[in-house]
């Protein structure tokens, strides 16, 4: 399996590495927010940073 990071391309050929990478994407997918929820999260983050 070939995967790309921000600055490199990785070749994962052992099942432990592939499983870890797949779990990482699952974690990201489960924590993602969209639509109104995403807008609310961004608005709160901007307020905390004093950017509103």
Protein backbone atom coordinates (compact mmCIF):
# COMPACT_ATOMS: atom_id res chain seq x y z
CA UNK A 1 0.00 0.00 0.00
CA UNK A 2 1.34 3.43 -0.93
CA UNK A 3 0.25 6.42 1.16
CA UNK A 4 1.16 10.07 0.96
CA UNK A 5 1.88 12.35 3.86
CA UNK A 6 2.42 16.10 3.75
CA UNK A 7 6.04 15.71 2.72
CA UNK A 8 6.63 12.09 1.72
CA UNK A 9 5.28 8.99 0.05
CA UNK A 10 5.34 5.84 2.17
CA UNK A 11 5.20 2.21 1.14
CA UNK A 12 3.45 0.13 3.81
CA UNK A 13 3.90 -3.57 3.25
CA UNK A 14 3.35 -5.18 6.63
CA UNK A 15 -0.11 -5.80 8.05
CA UNK A 16 0.58 -3.98 11.35
CA UNK A 17 1.45 -0.74 9.55
CA UNK A 18 -1.50 -1.02 7.19
CA UNK A 19 -3.88 -1.74 10.10
CA UNK A 20 -2.54 1.25 12.05
CA UNK A 21 -2.95 3.55 9.04
CA UNK A 22 -6.51 2.30 8.46
CA UNK A 23 -7.37 2.84 12.15
CA UNK A 24 -5.97 6.37 11.99
CA UNK A 25 -8.31 7.19 9.09
CA UNK A 26 -11.21 5.66 11.00
CA UNK A 27 -10.39 7.85 14.03
CA UNK A 28 -10.23 10.94 11.82
CA UNK A 29 -13.51 10.04 10.13
CA UNK A 30 -15.24 9.50 13.47
CA UNK A 31 -14.05 12.85 14.84
CA UNK A 32 -14.85 14.90 11.73
CA UNK A 33 -17.71 17.39 11.74
CA UNK A 34 -19.54 18.83 8.76
CA UNK A 35 -22.04 21.52 7.90
CA UNK A 36 -23.54 23.48 10.79
CA UNK A 37 -21.49 21.58 13.39
CA UNK A 38 -18.26 22.44 11.57
CA UNK A 39 -19.26 26.09 11.30
CA UNK A 40 -20.03 26.22 15.02
CA UNK A 41 -16.66 24.60 15.86
CA UNK A 42 -14.75 27.07 13.69
CA UNK A 43 -16.66 30.01 15.17
CA UNK A 44 -15.83 28.86 18.73
CA UNK A 45 -12.16 28.36 17.83
CA UNK A 46 -11.96 31.83 16.28
CA UNK A 47 -13.58 33.35 19.37
CA UNK A 48 -11.09 31.60 21.65
CA UNK A 49 -8.24 33.00 19.55
CA UNK A 50 -9.77 36.46 19.55
CA UNK A 51 -10.29 36.43 15.77
CA UNK A 52 -13.98 37.30 15.68
